Amino acid sequence: MEHAGTDYWVWVGNELYDTERDTVARVRSDVIFFDSERMLIESEPGPFQFRARATTGDGRVFTLFQNGFTVGCLDADCDGRKYTLRRTSVWRKERHIVDSEGDIVAHVRPLISGRVEVHPGPAWEDLPLIDAVFLSWGCVLVDSPVRRPRI
C-alpha cells in the first residue's frame, strides 16, 4: 500500500485523511469512495452482534464480524484475504489488525474526540489499500465513541 510520507491516517467524521491532510477516502450515504473505488456498506450494529459488509461495483465482497460474545475480537474477510481485529486490552478500544500470517498490519486507535487514528504496523506494506480503508471504517463503526452523521 502506498503510504510514503504518511505517519498515520485519521478518520474525522466521515472523512479519512493522511498526515498531510489530504483526503484518502470519504463515506457518503453508506458508500465508501476512494480512488476509483466505490463500496456499498451495510452494517448491523445491534446490541448482541456486530456485522459489516461491503460490496464493490465489480462484485467483490468484504465482511467484518464479531466472533464471540463481545466485539473485543472481530474477524474480517476482504475478498478472500483474512484478518483479525483484536483489542489490545479489555480496558481500551484500540485494536491491532493482524493478517492471516499473524503479522500486525495496522494499529487503530479511537480517541474521545471521535477521531479514529490508523497507524502503520510492521507489515503495513502488505495491506492492500482497499482492505485498509474498509477495515479502518469498520473500526469507526464499532469503536468510535461519537456517532457519525449520516450524509
C-alpha atoms as a PDB file:
ATOM      1  CA  MET A   1       0.000   0.000   0.000  1.00  0.00           C
ATOM      2  CA  GLU A   2       1.375   3.405  -0.890  1.00  0.00           C
ATOM      3  CA  HIS A   3       1.975   5.444   2.230  1.00  0.00           C
ATOM      4  CA  ALA A   4       5.251   7.252   1.618  1.00  0.00           C
ATOM      5  CA  GLY A   5       5.416  10.275   3.874  1.00  0.00           C
ATOM      6  CA  THR A   6       2.357   9.116   5.803  1.00  0.00           C
ATOM      7  CA  ASP A   7       2.896   8.665   9.512  1.00  0.00           C
ATOM      8  CA  TYR A   8      -0.739   7.716  10.073  1.00  0.00           C
ATOM      9  CA  TRP A   9      -4.281   8.242   8.832  1.00  0.00           C
ATOM     10  CA  VAL A  10      -7.203   9.657  10.778  1.00  0.00           C
ATOM     11  CA  TRP A  11     -10.960   9.342  10.324  1.00  0.00           C
ATOM     12  CA  VAL A  12     -12.600  12.660  11.186  1.00  0.00           C
ATOM     13  CA  GLY A  13     -16.330  12.147  10.910  1.00  0.00           C
ATOM     14  CA  ASN A  14     -16.849  10.515   7.524  1.00  0.00           C
ATOM     15  CA  GLU A  15     -13.510  11.611   6.016  1.00  0.00           C
ATOM     16  CA  LEU A  16     -10.207   9.705   6.112  1.00  0.00           C
ATOM     17  CA  TYR A  17      -7.121  11.938   5.947  1.00  0.00           C
ATOM     18  CA  ASP A  18      -3.396  11.315   5.813  1.00  0.00           C
ATOM     19  CA  THR A  19      -0.930  13.375   7.886  1.00  0.00           C
ATOM     20  CA  GLU A  20      -0.696  15.959   5.090  1.00  0.00           C
ATOM     21  CA  ARG A  21      -4.474  16.443   5.494  1.00  0.00           C
ATOM     22  CA  ASP A  22      -5.089  15.011   2.015  1.00  0.00           C
ATOM     23  CA  THR A  23      -8.302  13.008   1.705  1.00  0.00           C
ATOM     24  CA  VAL A  24      -7.731   9.268   1.391  1.00  0.00           C
ATOM     25  CA  ALA A  25     -11.429   8.253   1.478  1.00  0.00           C
ATOM     26  CA  ARG A  26     -14.876   9.529   2.384  1.00  0.00           C
ATOM     27  CA  VAL A  27     -18.208   7.953   3.262  1.00  0.00           C
ATOM     28  CA  ARG A  28     -21.474   9.297   1.857  1.00  0.00           C
ATOM     29  CA  SER A  29     -24.875   7.616   2.132  1.00  0.00           C
ATOM     30  CA  ASP A  30     -23.346   4.275   3.144  1.00  0.00           C
ATOM     31  CA  VAL A  31     -20.874   4.286   0.250  1.00  0.00           C
ATOM     32  CA  ILE A  32     -17.100   4.488   0.755  1.00  0.00           C
ATOM     33  CA  PHE A  33     -15.387   6.495  -2.007  1.00  0.00           C
ATOM     34  CA  PHE A  34     -11.619   6.369  -2.585  1.00  0.00           C
ATOM     35  CA  ASP A  35      -9.512   6.447  -5.704  1.00  0.00           C
ATOM     36  CA  SER A  36     -11.823   4.994  -8.376  1.00  0.00           C
ATOM     37  CA  GLU A  37     -13.410   2.551  -5.903  1.00  0.00           C
ATOM     38  CA  ARG A  38     -16.926   2.636  -4.511  1.00  0.00           C
ATOM     39  CA  MET A  39     -18.006   0.231  -1.780  1.00  0.00           C
ATOM     40  CA  LEU A  40     -21.609  -0.063  -0.616  1.00  0.00           C
ATOM     41  CA  ILE A  41     -21.590  -0.617   3.155  1.00  0.00           C
ATOM     42  CA  GLU A  42     -24.245  -2.489   5.108  1.00  0.00           C
ATOM     43  CA  SER A  43     -23.824  -2.782   8.869  1.00  0.00           C
ATOM     44  CA  GLU A  44     -25.702  -4.256  11.795  1.00  0.00           C
ATOM     45  CA  PRO A  45     -24.510  -2.571  14.978  1.00  0.00           C
ATOM     46  CA  GLY A  46     -27.001  -4.482  17.115  1.00  0.00           C
ATOM     47  CA  PRO A  47     -26.640  -4.928  20.879  1.00  0.00           C
ATOM     48  CA  PHE A  48     -25.665  -8.591  20.573  1.00  0.00           C
ATOM     49  CA  GLN A  49     -23.933  -8.877  17.221  1.00  0.00           C
ATOM     50  CA  PHE A  50     -21.824  -6.533  15.089  1.00  0.00           C
ATOM     51  CA  ARG A  51     -21.551  -7.219  11.374  1.00  0.00           C
ATOM     52  CA  ALA A  52     -20.495  -5.082   8.412  1.00  0.00           C
ATOM     53  CA  ARG A  53     -20.408  -5.978   4.740  1.00  0.00           C
ATOM     54  CA  ALA A  54     -19.163  -4.014   1.752  1.00  0.00           C
ATOM     55  CA  THR A  55     -19.629  -4.785  -1.904  1.00  0.00           C
ATOM     56  CA  THR A  56     -17.622  -3.146  -4.675  1.00  0.00           C
ATOM     57  CA  GLY A  57     -19.056  -2.185  -8.047  1.00  0.00           C
ATOM     58  CA  ASP A  58     -17.432  -5.238  -9.627  1.00  0.00           C
ATOM     59  CA  GLY A  59     -18.898  -7.623  -7.029  1.00  0.00           C
ATOM     60  CA  ARG A  60     -16.013  -8.151  -4.588  1.00  0.00           C
ATOM     61  CA  VAL A  61     -17.285  -8.747  -1.040  1.00  0.00           C
ATOM     62  CA  PHE A  62     -15.702  -7.598   2.239  1.00  0.00           C
ATOM     63  CA  THR A  63     -17.052  -8.667   5.640  1.00  0.00           C
ATOM     64  CA  LEU A  64     -16.258  -7.797   9.238  1.00  0.00           C
ATOM     65  CA  PHE A  65     -17.987  -9.610  12.069  1.00  0.00           C
ATOM     66  CA  GLN A  66     -17.824 -10.327  15.755  1.00  0.00           C
ATOM     67  CA  ASN A  67     -16.643 -13.851  16.530  1.00  0.00           C
ATOM     68  CA  GLY A  68     -17.680 -14.095  20.182  1.00  0.00           C
ATOM     69  CA  PHE A  69     -19.972 -12.603  22.807  1.00  0.00           C
ATOM     70  CA  THR A  70     -18.275  -9.201  22.634  1.00  0.00           C
ATOM     71  CA  VAL A  71     -16.727  -7.003  19.960  1.00  0.00           C
ATOM     72  CA  GLY A  72     -13.299  -7.448  21.532  1.00  0.00           C
ATOM     73  CA  CYS A  73     -12.249  -9.599  18.598  1.00  0.00           C
ATOM     74  CA  LEU A  74     -13.522  -9.212  15.065  1.00  0.00           C
ATOM     75  CA  ASP A  75     -12.817 -11.376  12.025  1.00  0.00           C
ATOM     76  CA  ALA A  76     -12.642  -9.999   8.513  1.00  0.00           C
ATOM     77  CA  ASP A  77     -12.615 -11.413   5.024  1.00  0.00           C
ATOM     78  CA  CYS A  78     -11.573  -8.914   2.354  1.00  0.00           C
ATOM     79  CA  ASP A  79     -12.203 -10.613  -0.977  1.00  0.00           C
ATOM     80  CA  GLY A  80     -10.517 -13.772   0.323  1.00  0.00           C
ATOM     81  CA  ARG A  81      -7.827 -12.093   2.455  1.00  0.00           C
ATOM     82  CA  LYS A  82      -8.344 -12.900   6.154  1.00  0.00           C
ATOM     83  CA  TYR A  83      -7.710 -10.577   9.111  1.00  0.00           C
ATOM     84  CA  THR A  84      -8.325 -10.497  12.844  1.00  0.00           C
ATOM     85  CA  LEU A  85      -9.005  -7.180  14.582  1.00  0.00           C
ATOM     86  CA  ARG A  86      -8.234  -7.699  18.256  1.00  0.00           C
ATOM     87  CA  ARG A  87      -8.436  -5.130  21.016  1.00  0.00           C
ATOM     88  CA  THR A  88      -5.099  -4.559  22.703  1.00  0.00           C
ATOM     89  CA  SER A  89      -6.689  -4.565  26.167  1.00  0.00           C
ATOM     90  CA  VAL A  90     -10.082  -5.245  27.718  1.00  0.00           C
ATOM     91  CA  TRP A  91      -9.920  -1.663  29.039  1.00  0.00           C
ATOM     92  CA  ARG A  92      -9.295   0.052  25.685  1.00  0.00           C
ATOM     93  CA  LYS A  93     -10.886   0.190  22.257  1.00  0.00           C
ATOM     94  CA  GLU A  94      -7.531   0.218  20.462  1.00  0.00           C
ATOM     95  CA  ARG A  95      -7.054  -2.659  18.022  1.00  0.00           C
ATOM     96  CA  HIS A  96      -4.313  -4.441  16.140  1.00  0.00           C
ATOM     97  CA  ILE A  97      -5.221  -5.546  12.632  1.00  0.00           C
ATOM     98  CA  VAL A  98      -3.447  -8.855  12.083  1.00  0.00           C
ATOM     99  CA  ASP A  99      -3.205 -10.650   8.729  1.00  0.00           C
ATOM    100  CA  SER A 100      -3.521 -14.398   8.156  1.00  0.00           C
ATOM    101  CA  GLU A 101       0.237 -14.807   8.655  1.00  0.00           C
ATOM    102  CA  GLY A 102      -0.023 -13.349  12.176  1.00  0.00           C
ATOM    103  CA  ASP A 103       1.669 -10.056  11.221  1.00  0.00           C
ATOM    104  CA  ILE A 104       0.362  -6.738  12.537  1.00  0.00           C
ATOM    105  CA  VAL A 105      -0.517  -4.617   9.518  1.00  0.00           C
ATOM    106  CA  ALA A 106      -2.040  -1.680  11.413  1.00  0.00           C
ATOM    107  CA  HIS A 107      -2.991  -0.315  14.818  1.00  0.00           C
ATOM    108  CA  VAL A 108      -6.319   1.530  15.149  1.00  0.00           C
ATOM    109  CA  ARG A 109      -6.839   3.978  17.996  1.00  0.00           C
ATOM    110  CA  PRO A 110     -10.228   5.659  18.620  1.00  0.00           C
ATOM    111  CA  LEU A 111      -9.994   8.943  20.512  1.00  0.00           C
ATOM    112  CA  ILE A 112     -12.533  10.505  22.864  1.00  0.00           C
ATOM    113  CA  SER A 113     -12.990  13.322  20.334  1.00  0.00           C
ATOM    114  CA  GLY A 114     -14.484  10.813  17.877  1.00  0.00           C
ATOM    115  CA  ARG A 115     -11.424  10.826  15.635  1.00  0.00           C
ATOM    116  CA  VAL A 116     -10.028   7.382  14.831  1.00  0.00           C
ATOM    117  CA  GLU A 117      -6.303   7.094  14.093  1.00  0.00           C
ATOM    118  CA  VAL A 118      -4.867   4.365  11.854  1.00  0.00           C
ATOM    119  CA  HIS A 119      -1.154   3.753  12.455  1.00  0.00           C
ATOM    120  CA  PRO A 120       1.021   1.535  10.240  1.00  0.00           C
ATOM    121  CA  GLY A 121       2.137  -1.763  11.708  1.00  0.00           C
ATOM    122  CA  PRO A 122       5.310  -3.683  10.808  1.00  0.00           C
ATOM    123  CA  ALA A 123       3.543  -5.348   7.838  1.00  0.00           C
ATOM    124  CA  TRP A 124       1.753  -2.163   6.592  1.00  0.00           C
ATOM    125  CA  GLU A 125       3.220  -2.539   3.092  1.00  0.00           C
ATOM    126  CA  ASP A 126       1.410  -5.898   2.734  1.00  0.00           C
ATOM    127  CA  LEU A 127      -2.036  -4.363   3.393  1.00  0.00           C
ATOM    128  CA  PRO A 128      -3.947  -3.517   0.187  1.00  0.00           C
ATOM    129  CA  LEU A 129      -5.402  -0.001   0.183  1.00  0.00           C
ATOM    130  CA  ILE A 130      -8.964  -1.268  -0.246  1.00  0.00           C
ATOM    131  CA  ASP A 131      -8.577  -3.542   2.804  1.00  0.00           C
ATOM    132  CA  ALA A 132      -7.093  -0.738   4.911  1.00  0.00           C
ATOM    133  CA  VAL A 133      -9.955   1.628   4.105  1.00  0.00           C
ATOM    134  CA  PHE A 134     -12.679  -0.976   4.732  1.00  0.00           C
ATOM    135  CA  LEU A 135     -11.140  -2.357   7.941  1.00  0.00           C
ATOM    136  CA  SER A 136     -10.466   1.067   9.414  1.00  0.00           C
ATOM    137  CA  TRP A 137     -14.038   2.213   8.617  1.00  0.00           C
ATOM    138  CA  GLY A 138     -15.297  -0.956  10.322  1.00  0.00           C
ATOM    139  CA  CYS A 139     -13.358   0.080  13.420  1.00  0.00           C
ATOM    140  CA  VAL A 140     -15.016   3.502  13.242  1.00  0.00           C
ATOM    141  CA  LEU A 141     -18.431   1.840  13.096  1.00  0.00           C
ATOM    142  CA  VAL A 142     -17.858  -0.430  16.070  1.00  0.00           C
ATOM    143  CA  ASP A 143     -15.446   1.556  18.291  1.00  0.00           C
ATOM    144  CA  SER A 144     -15.878   5.298  17.767  1.00  0.00           C
ATOM    145  CA  PRO A 145     -17.354   6.980  20.846  1.00  0.00           C
ATOM    146  CA  VAL A 146     -19.032   9.687  18.739  1.00  0.00           C
ATOM    147  CA  ARG A 147     -21.883   8.851  16.413  1.00  0.00           C
ATOM    148  CA  ARG A 148     -21.101   9.797  12.819  1.00  0.00           C
ATOM    149  CA  PRO A 149     -23.558  11.942  10.926  1.00  0.00           C
ATOM    150  CA  ARG A 150     -25.314  10.158   8.057  1.00  0.00           C
ATOM    151  CA  ILE A 151     -24.799  12.256   4.949  1.00  0.00           C
END
